[in-house]
Amino acid sequence: MIGFIVAGLIIGALARLIKPGKQNLGIVATLLLGLVGSVIGGTIANLLGTGDIFELNVLGFIIAVIASVLLIGVAEAVAGRKRTTVR
């Protein structure tokens, strides 16, 4: 379980590096989205039969990074929309 959390944190950091442009999310939000992306990647890899959800494998890692990049993009869009409506 601790390895899963550490992998999620690493995935969140990688997703932040991959996502182009300036990001207005804090590091804690990015890392939490990395954990969520890690769960999504593990679940999809499990559904494809490549391993258990908590097992680190290449396909699950790649899907987790992609999911995290998408989650960060969605979170930034939602955060940006809230800022523009306040003004």
PDB file of N, CA and C in Angstrom:
ATOM      1  N   MET A   1       0.826  -1.196   0.000  1.00  0.00           N
ATOM      2  CA  MET A   1       0.000   0.000   0.000  1.00  0.00           C
ATOM      3  C   MET A   1       0.873   1.264   0.000  1.00  0.00           C
ATOM      4  N   ILE A   2       1.951   1.241   0.764  1.00  0.00           N
ATOM      5  CA  ILE A   2       2.853   2.396   0.792  1.00  0.00           C
ATOM      6  C   ILE A   2       3.520   2.574  -0.575  1.00  0.00           C
ATOM      7  N   GLY A   3       3.871   1.468  -1.204  1.00  0.00           N
ATOM      8  CA  GLY A   3       4.448   1.532  -2.549  1.00  0.00           C
ATOM      9  C   GLY A   3       3.475   2.124  -3.552  1.00  0.00           C
ATOM     10  N   PHE A   4       2.188   1.809  -3.375  1.00  0.00           N
ATOM     11  CA  PHE A   4       1.147   2.361  -4.238  1.00  0.00           C
ATOM     12  C   PHE A   4       1.069   3.873  -4.075  1.00  0.00           C
ATOM     13  N   ILE A   5       1.154   4.365  -2.859  1.00  0.00           N
ATOM     14  CA  ILE A   5       1.111   5.800  -2.591  1.00  0.00           C
ATOM     15  C   ILE A   5       2.335   6.484  -3.187  1.00  0.00           C
ATOM     16  N   VAL A   6       3.498   5.889  -2.993  1.00  0.00           N
ATOM     17  CA  VAL A   6       4.732   6.469  -3.539  1.00  0.00           C
ATOM     18  C   VAL A   6       4.671   6.499  -5.065  1.00  0.00           C
ATOM     19  N   ALA A   7       4.178   5.413  -5.668  1.00  0.00           N
ATOM     20  CA  ALA A   7       4.050   5.384  -7.132  1.00  0.00           C
ATOM     21  C   ALA A   7       3.075   6.460  -7.598  1.00  0.00           C
ATOM     22  N   GLY A   8       1.994   6.669  -6.865  1.00  0.00           N
ATOM     23  CA  GLY A   8       1.031   7.713  -7.216  1.00  0.00           C
ATOM     24  C   GLY A   8       1.639   9.094  -7.140  1.00  0.00           C
ATOM     25  N   LEU A   9       2.481   9.317  -6.144  1.00  0.00           N
ATOM     26  CA  LEU A   9       3.152  10.609  -6.016  1.00  0.00           C
ATOM     27  C   LEU A   9       4.122  10.841  -7.168  1.00  0.00           C
ATOM     28  N   ILE A  10       4.835   9.797  -7.557  1.00  0.00           N
ATOM     29  CA  ILE A  10       5.760   9.903  -8.685  1.00  0.00           C
ATOM     30  C   ILE A  10       4.987  10.144  -9.978  1.00  0.00           C
ATOM     31  N   ILE A  11       3.870   9.458 -10.143  1.00  0.00           N
ATOM     32  CA  ILE A  11       3.045   9.635 -11.339  1.00  0.00           C
ATOM     33  C   ILE A  11       2.514  11.060 -11.412  1.00  0.00           C
ATOM     34  N   GLY A  12       2.081  11.617 -10.286  1.00  0.00           N
ATOM     35  CA  GLY A  12       1.605  13.004 -10.261  1.00  0.00           C
ATOM     36  C   GLY A  12       2.698  13.976 -10.658  1.00  0.00           C
ATOM     37  N   ALA A  13       3.915  13.745 -10.164  1.00  0.00           N
ATOM     38  CA  ALA A  13       5.033  14.614 -10.520  1.00  0.00           C
ATOM     39  C   ALA A  13       5.364  14.504 -12.007  1.00  0.00           C
ATOM     40  N   LEU A  14       5.351  13.285 -12.542  1.00  0.00           N
ATOM     41  CA  LEU A  14       5.613  13.105 -13.973  1.00  0.00           C
ATOM     42  C   LEU A  14       4.534  13.763 -14.827  1.00  0.00           C
ATOM     43  N   ALA A  15       3.292  13.637 -14.400  1.00  0.00           N
ATOM     44  CA  ALA A  15       2.194  14.246 -15.151  1.00  0.00           C
ATOM     45  C   ALA A  15       2.338  15.759 -15.185  1.00  0.00           C
ATOM     46  N   ARG A  16       2.788  16.325 -14.098  1.00  0.00           N
ATOM     47  CA  ARG A  16       2.987  17.775 -14.048  1.00  0.00           C
ATOM     48  C   ARG A  16       4.114  18.202 -14.988  1.00  0.00           C
ATOM     49  N   LEU A  17       5.142  17.382 -15.087  1.00  0.00           N
ATOM     50  CA  LEU A  17       6.242  17.686 -16.006  1.00  0.00           C
ATOM     51  C   LEU A  17       5.821  17.531 -17.465  1.00  0.00           C
ATOM     52  N   ILE A  18       4.954  16.560 -17.739  1.00  0.00           N
ATOM     53  CA  ILE A  18       4.526  16.304 -19.109  1.00  0.00           C
ATOM     54  C   ILE A  18       3.535  17.360 -19.583  1.00  0.00           C
ATOM     55  N   LYS A  19       2.661  17.814 -18.703  1.00  0.00           N
ATOM     56  CA  LYS A  19       1.618  18.788 -19.067  1.00  0.00           C
ATOM     57  C   LYS A  19       2.277  20.101 -19.448  1.00  0.00           C
ATOM     58  N   PRO A  20       2.036  20.577 -20.669  1.00  0.00           N
ATOM     59  CA  PRO A  20       2.679  21.826 -21.092  1.00  0.00           C
ATOM     60  C   PRO A  20       2.013  23.050 -20.477  1.00  0.00           C
ATOM     61  N   GLY A  21       2.746  24.137 -20.449  1.00  0.00           N
ATOM     62  CA  GLY A  21       2.199  25.415 -19.984  1.00  0.00           C
ATOM     63  C   GLY A  21       2.320  25.596 -18.483  1.00  0.00           C
ATOM     64  N   LYS A  22       1.922  26.784 -18.059  1.00  0.00           N
ATOM     65  CA  LYS A  22       1.957  27.117 -16.633  1.00  0.00           C
ATOM     66  C   LYS A  22       0.768  26.470 -15.943  1.00  0.00           C
ATOM     67  N   GLN A  23       1.040  25.865 -14.813  1.00  0.00           N
ATOM     68  CA  GLN A  23      -0.013  25.186 -14.067  1.00  0.00           C
ATOM     69  C   GLN A  23      -0.319  25.958 -12.796  1.00  0.00           C
ATOM     70  N   ASN A  24      -1.590  26.164 -12.567  1.00  0.00           N
ATOM     71  CA  ASN A  24      -2.013  26.927 -11.401  1.00  0.00           C
ATOM     72  C   ASN A  24      -2.445  26.048 -10.245  1.00  0.00           C
ATOM     73  N   LEU A  25      -2.119  24.775 -10.292  1.00  0.00           N
ATOM     74  CA  LEU A  25      -2.451  23.867  -9.199  1.00  0.00           C
ATOM     75  C   LEU A  25      -1.274  23.784  -8.239  1.00  0.00           C
ATOM     76  N   GLY A  26      -1.590  23.624  -6.980  1.00  0.00           N
ATOM     77  CA  GLY A  26      -0.552  23.433  -5.985  1.00  0.00           C
ATOM     78  C   GLY A  26       0.030  22.039  -6.078  1.00  0.00           C
ATOM     79  N   ILE A  27       1.140  21.839  -5.427  1.00  0.00           N
ATOM     80  CA  ILE A  27       1.815  20.544  -5.485  1.00  0.00           C
ATOM     81  C   ILE A  27       0.989  19.459  -4.804  1.00  0.00           C
ATOM     82  N   VAL A  28       0.273  19.802  -3.739  1.00  0.00           N
ATOM     83  CA  VAL A  28      -0.549  18.809  -3.041  1.00  0.00           C
ATOM     84  C   VAL A  28      -1.685  18.339  -3.952  1.00  0.00           C
ATOM     85  N   ALA A  29      -2.336  19.272  -4.646  1.00  0.00           N
ATOM     86  CA  ALA A  29      -3.413  18.904  -5.571  1.00  0.00           C
ATOM     87  C   ALA A  29      -2.859  18.041  -6.703  1.00  0.00           C
ATOM     88  N   THR A  30      -1.694  18.370  -7.202  1.00  0.00           N
ATOM     89  CA  THR A  30      -1.082  17.592  -8.270  1.00  0.00           C
ATOM     90  C   THR A  30      -0.775  16.182  -7.807  1.00  0.00           C
ATOM     91  N   LEU A  31      -0.245  16.058  -6.601  1.00  0.00           N
ATOM     92  CA  LEU A  31       0.091  14.743  -6.081  1.00  0.00           C
ATOM     93  C   LEU A  31      -1.161  13.913  -5.811  1.00  0.00           C
ATOM     94  N   LEU A  32      -2.219  14.554  -5.324  1.00  0.00           N
ATOM     95  CA  LEU A  32      -3.474  13.827  -5.105  1.00  0.00           C
ATOM     96  C   LEU A  32      -4.073  13.362  -6.428  1.00  0.00           C
ATOM     97  N   LEU A  33      -3.991  14.192  -7.451  1.00  0.00           N
ATOM     98  CA  LEU A  33      -4.462  13.777  -8.773  1.00  0.00           C
ATOM     99  C   LEU A  33      -3.594  12.643  -9.326  1.00  0.00           C
ATOM    100  N   GLY A  34      -2.322  12.630  -8.972  1.00  0.00           N
ATOM    101  CA  GLY A  34      -1.452  11.515  -9.343  1.00  0.00           C
ATOM    102  C   GLY A  34      -1.881  10.221  -8.680  1.00  0.00           C
ATOM    103  N   LEU A  35      -2.312  10.306  -7.432  1.00  0.00           N
ATOM    104  CA  LEU A  35      -2.825   9.119  -6.745  1.00  0.00           C
ATOM    105  C   LEU A  35      -4.102   8.614  -7.410  1.00  0.00           C
ATOM    106  N   VAL A  36      -4.983   9.541  -7.769  1.00  0.00           N
ATOM    107  CA  VAL A  36      -6.220   9.151  -8.453  1.00  0.00           C
ATOM    108  C   VAL A  36      -5.896   8.530  -9.813  1.00  0.00           C
ATOM    109  N   GLY A  37      -4.970   9.135 -10.531  1.00  0.00           N
ATOM    110  CA  GLY A  37      -4.537   8.577 -11.815  1.00  0.00           C
ATOM    111  C   GLY A  37      -3.928   7.200 -11.657  1.00  0.00           C
ATOM    112  N   SER A  38      -3.223   6.994 -10.556  1.00  0.00           N
ATOM    113  CA  SER A  38      -2.631   5.695 -10.271  1.00  0.00           C
ATOM    114  C   SER A  38      -3.709   4.636 -10.058  1.00  0.00           C
ATOM    115  N   VAL A  39      -4.761   5.009  -9.359  1.00  0.00           N
ATOM    116  CA  VAL A  39      -5.879   4.078  -9.149  1.00  0.00           C
ATOM    117  C   VAL A  39      -6.551   3.759 -10.491  1.00  0.00           C
ATOM    118  N   ILE A  40      -6.752   4.791 -11.308  1.00  0.00           N
ATOM    119  CA  ILE A  40      -7.372   4.583 -12.624  1.00  0.00           C
ATOM    120  C   ILE A  40      -6.491   3.668 -13.483  1.00  0.00           C
ATOM    121  N   GLY A  41      -5.199   3.936 -13.515  1.00  0.00           N
ATOM    122  CA  GLY A  41      -4.282   3.107 -14.300  1.00  0.00           C
ATOM    123  C   GLY A  41      -4.246   1.665 -13.824  1.00  0.00           C
ATOM    124  N   GLY A  42      -4.218   1.486 -12.513  1.00  0.00           N
ATOM    125  CA  GLY A  42      -4.222   0.129 -11.963  1.00  0.00           C
ATOM    126  C   GLY A  42      -5.512  -0.610 -12.254  1.00  0.00           C
ATOM    127  N   THR A  43      -6.623   0.110 -12.195  1.00  0.00           N
ATOM    128  CA  THR A  43      -7.917  -0.507 -12.474  1.00  0.00           C
ATOM    129  C   THR A  43      -8.022  -0.932 -13.929  1.00  0.00           C
ATOM    130  N   ILE A  44      -7.612  -0.052 -14.839  1.00  0.00           N
ATOM    131  CA  ILE A  44      -7.685  -0.390 -16.268  1.00  0.00           C
ATOM    132  C   ILE A  44      -6.735  -1.540 -16.595  1.00  0.00           C
ATOM    133  N   ALA A  45      -5.534  -1.520 -16.024  1.00  0.00           N
ATOM    134  CA  ALA A  45      -4.588  -2.616 -16.253  1.00  0.00           C
ATOM    135  C   ALA A  45      -5.148  -3.925 -15.700  1.00  0.00           C
ATOM    136  N   ASN A  46      -5.827  -3.849 -14.562  1.00  0.00           N
ATOM    137  CA  ASN A  46      -6.446  -5.037 -13.976  1.00  0.00           C
ATOM    138  C   ASN A  46      -7.551  -5.558 -14.885  1.00  0.00           C
ATOM    139  N   LEU A  47      -8.370  -4.650 -15.428  1.00  0.00           N
ATOM    140  CA  LEU A  47      -9.445  -5.063 -16.336  1.00  0.00           C
ATOM    141  C   LEU A  47      -8.905  -5.690 -17.617  1.00  0.00           C
ATOM    142  N   LEU A  48      -7.724  -5.227 -18.044  1.00  0.00           N
ATOM    143  CA  LEU A  48      -7.095  -5.798 -19.240  1.00  0.00           C
ATOM    144  C   LEU A  48      -6.354  -7.097 -18.949  1.00  0.00           C
ATOM    145  N   GLY A  49      -6.258  -7.452 -17.669  1.00  0.00           N
ATOM    146  CA  GLY A  49      -5.640  -8.714 -17.284  1.00  0.00           C
ATOM    147  C   GLY A  49      -4.128  -8.698 -17.200  1.00  0.00           C
ATOM    148  N   THR A  50      -3.529  -7.536 -17.056  1.00  0.00           N
ATOM    149  CA  THR A  50      -2.063  -7.472 -16.990  1.00  0.00           C
ATOM    150  C   THR A  50      -1.525  -7.540 -15.566  1.00  0.00           C
ATOM    151  N   GLY A  51      -2.386  -7.513 -14.582  1.00  0.00           N
ATOM    152  CA  GLY A  51      -1.923  -7.609 -13.203  1.00  0.00           C
ATOM    153  C   GLY A  51      -2.963  -7.077 -12.239  1.00  0.00           C
ATOM    154  N   ASP A  52      -2.633  -7.151 -10.973  1.00  0.00           N
ATOM    155  CA  ASP A  52      -3.506  -6.672  -9.912  1.00  0.00           C
ATOM    156  C   ASP A  52      -3.493  -5.153  -9.862  1.00  0.00           C
ATOM    157  N   ILE A  53      -4.511  -4.559  -9.270  1.00  0.00           N
ATOM    158  CA  ILE A  53      -4.604  -3.093  -9.202  1.00  0.00           C
ATOM    159  C   ILE A  53      -3.436  -2.493  -8.422  1.00  0.00           C
ATOM    160  N   PHE A  54      -2.950  -3.196  -7.397  1.00  0.00           N
ATOM    161  CA  PHE A  54      -1.848  -2.670  -6.586  1.00  0.00           C
ATOM    162  C   PHE A  54      -0.482  -3.139  -7.068  1.00  0.00           C
ATOM    163  N   GLU A  55      -0.451  -3.843  -8.185  1.00  0.00           N
ATOM    164  CA  GLU A  55       0.798  -4.340  -8.732  1.00  0.00           C
ATOM    165  C   GLU A  55       1.340  -3.353  -9.753  1.00  0.00           C
ATOM    166  N   LEU A  56       2.595  -2.994  -9.620  1.00  0.00           N
ATOM    167  CA  LEU A  56       3.201  -2.046 -10.554  1.00  0.00           C
ATOM    168  C   LEU A  56       3.600  -2.782 -11.831  1.00  0.00           C
ATOM    169  N   ASN A  57       3.015  -2.356 -12.954  1.00  0.00           N
ATOM    170  CA  ASN A  57       3.387  -2.917 -14.243  1.00  0.00           C
ATOM    171  C   ASN A  57       3.460  -1.785 -15.257  1.00  0.00           C
ATOM    172  N   VAL A  58       4.051  -2.073 -16.393  1.00  0.00           N
ATOM    173  CA  VAL A  58       4.326  -1.030 -17.382  1.00  0.00           C
ATOM    174  C   VAL A  58       3.039  -0.434 -17.941  1.00  0.00           C
ATOM    175  N   LEU A  59       2.089  -1.273 -18.320  1.00  0.00           N
ATOM    176  CA  LEU A  59       0.852  -0.769 -18.899  1.00  0.00           C
ATOM    177  C   LEU A  59       0.076   0.082 -17.901  1.00  0.00           C
ATOM    178  N   GLY A  60      -0.022  -0.394 -16.663  1.00  0.00           N
ATOM    179  CA  GLY A  60      -0.716   0.372 -15.632  1.00  0.00           C
ATOM    180  C   GLY A  60      -0.044   1.707 -15.373  1.00  0.00           C
ATOM    181  N   PHE A  61       1.285   1.722 -15.395  1.00  0.00           N
ATOM    182  CA  PHE A  61       2.032   2.961 -15.170  1.00  0.00           C
ATOM    183  C   PHE A  61       1.777   3.963 -16.296  1.00  0.00           C
ATOM    184  N   ILE A  62       1.804   3.490 -17.533  1.00  0.00           N
ATOM    185  CA  ILE A  62       1.577   4.383 -18.673  1.00  0.00           C
ATOM    186  C   ILE A  62       0.160   4.949 -18.641  1.00  0.00           C
ATOM    187  N   ILE A  63      -0.807   4.091 -18.377  1.00  0.00           N
ATOM    188  CA  ILE A  63      -2.199   4.550 -18.308  1.00  0.00           C
ATOM    189  C   ILE A  63      -2.379   5.516 -17.142  1.00  0.00           C
ATOM    190  N   ALA A  64      -1.710   5.255 -16.026  1.00  0.00           N
ATOM    191  CA  ALA A  64      -1.809   6.140 -14.865  1.00  0.00           C
ATOM    192  C   ALA A  64      -1.256   7.527 -15.166  1.00  0.00           C
ATOM    193  N   VAL A  65      -0.142   7.587 -15.874  1.00  0.00           N
ATOM    194  CA  VAL A  65       0.439   8.884 -16.228  1.00  0.00           C
ATOM    195  C   VAL A  65      -0.496   9.636 -17.177  1.00  0.00           C
ATOM    196  N   ILE A  66      -1.037   8.945 -18.166  1.00  0.00           N
ATOM    197  CA  ILE A  66      -1.970   9.590 -19.099  1.00  0.00           C
ATOM    198  C   ILE A  66      -3.205  10.087 -18.365  1.00  0.00           C
ATOM    199  N   ALA A  67      -3.751   9.258 -17.481  1.00  0.00           N
ATOM    200  CA  ALA A  67      -4.931   9.660 -16.708  1.00  0.00           C
ATOM    201  C   ALA A  67      -4.623  10.860 -15.827  1.00  0.00           C
ATOM    202  N   SER A  68      -3.444  10.887 -15.229  1.00  0.00           N
ATOM    203  CA  SER A  68      -3.060  12.004 -14.366  1.00  0.00           C
ATOM    204  C   SER A  68      -2.911  13.302 -15.152  1.00  0.00           C
ATOM    205  N   VAL A  69      -2.330  13.220 -16.341  1.00  0.00           N
ATOM    206  CA  VAL A  69      -2.201  14.416 -17.183  1.00  0.00           C
ATOM    207  C   VAL A  69      -3.590  14.954 -17.523  1.00  0.00           C
ATOM    208  N   LEU A  70      -4.506  14.056 -17.881  1.00  0.00           N
ATOM    209  CA  LEU A  70      -5.872  14.476 -18.199  1.00  0.00           C
ATOM    210  C   LEU A  70      -6.571  15.062 -16.974  1.00  0.00           C
ATOM    211  N   LEU A  71      -6.388  14.433 -15.808  1.00  0.00           N
ATOM    212  CA  LEU A  71      -7.006  14.945 -14.585  1.00  0.00           C
ATOM    213  C   LEU A  71      -6.469  16.326 -14.216  1.00  0.00           C
ATOM    214  N   ILE A  72      -5.174  16.532 -14.392  1.00  0.00           N
ATOM    215  CA  ILE A  72      -4.586  17.839 -14.109  1.00  0.00           C
ATOM    216  C   ILE A  72      -5.157  18.883 -15.062  1.00  0.00           C
ATOM    217  N   GLY A  73      -5.312  18.526 -16.330  1.00  0.00           N
ATOM    218  CA  GLY A  73      -5.903  19.452 -17.292  1.00  0.00           C
ATOM    219  C   GLY A  73      -7.333  19.819 -16.932  1.00  0.00           C
ATOM    220  N   VAL A  74      -8.122  18.833 -16.518  1.00  0.00           N
ATOM    221  CA  VAL A  74      -9.509  19.092 -16.124  1.00  0.00           C
ATOM    222  C   VAL A  74      -9.549  19.957 -14.862  1.00  0.00           C
ATOM    223  N   ALA A  75      -8.704  19.640 -13.898  1.00  0.00           N
ATOM    224  CA  ALA A  75      -8.681  20.419 -12.651  1.00  0.00           C
ATOM    225  C   ALA A  75      -8.278  21.863 -12.915  1.00  0.00           C
ATOM    226  N   GLU A  76      -7.315  22.078 -13.804  1.00  0.00           N
ATOM    227  CA  GLU A  76      -6.910  23.444 -14.143  1.00  0.00           C
ATOM    228  C   GLU A  76      -8.033  24.188 -14.844  1.00  0.00           C
ATOM    229  N   ALA A  77      -8.766  23.504 -15.726  1.00  0.00           N
ATOM    230  CA  ALA A  77      -9.874  24.143 -16.423  1.00  0.00           C
ATOM    231  C   ALA A  77     -10.967  24.545 -15.436  1.00  0.00           C
ATOM    232  N   VAL A  78     -11.264  23.670 -14.490  1.00  0.00           N
ATOM    233  CA  VAL A  78     -12.281  23.979 -13.484  1.00  0.00           C
ATOM    234  C   VAL A  78     -11.811  25.117 -12.583  1.00  0.00           C
ATOM    235  N   ALA A  79     -10.551  25.081 -12.173  1.00  0.00           N
ATOM    236  CA  ALA A  79     -10.014  26.144 -11.317  1.00  0.00           C
ATOM    237  C   ALA A  79      -9.969  27.467 -12.067  1.00  0.00           C
ATOM    238  N   GLY A  80      -9.619  27.439 -13.346  1.00  0.00           N
ATOM    239  CA  GLY A  80      -9.571  28.664 -14.148  1.00  0.00           C
ATOM    240  C   GLY A  80     -10.955  29.236 -14.367  1.00  0.00           C
ATOM    241  N   ARG A  81     -11.937  28.378 -14.537  1.00  0.00           N
ATOM    242  CA  ARG A  81     -13.312  28.841 -14.741  1.00  0.00           C
ATOM    243  C   ARG A  81     -13.848  29.507 -13.469  1.00  0.00           C
ATOM    244  N   LYS A  82     -13.498  28.959 -12.326  1.00  0.00           N
ATOM    245  CA  LYS A  82     -13.948  29.576 -11.058  1.00  0.00           C
ATOM    246  C   LYS A  82     -13.315  30.945 -10.863  1.00  0.00           C
ATOM    247  N   ARG A  83     -12.066  31.097 -11.273  1.00  0.00           N
ATOM    248  CA  ARG A  83     -11.388  32.394 -11.118  1.00  0.00           C
ATOM    249  C   ARG A  83     -11.992  33.450 -12.027  1.00  0.00           C
ATOM    250  N   THR A  84     -12.368  33.064 -13.219  1.00  0.00           N
ATOM    251  CA  THR A  84     -12.912  34.040 -14.166  1.00  0.00           C
ATOM    252  C   THR A  84     -14.322  34.466 -13.783  1.00  0.00           C
ATOM    253  N   THR A  85     -15.087  33.616 -13.145  1.00  0.00           N
ATOM    254  CA  THR A  85     -16.445  33.980 -12.758  1.00  0.00           C
ATOM    255  C   THR A  85     -16.464  34.855 -11.519  1.00  0.00           C
ATOM    256  N   VAL A  86     -15.432  34.789 -10.697  1.00  0.00           N
ATOM    257  CA  VAL A  86     -15.360  35.588  -9.483  1.00  0.00           C
ATOM    258  C   VAL A  86     -15.095  37.047  -9.829  1.00  0.00           C
ATOM    259  N   ARG A  87     -14.305  37.281 -10.832  1.00  0.00           N
ATOM    260  CA  ARG A  87     -13.920  38.642 -11.189  1.00  0.00           C
ATOM    261  C   ARG A  87     -15.036  39.398 -11.707  1.00  0.00           C
TER     262      ARG A  87
END
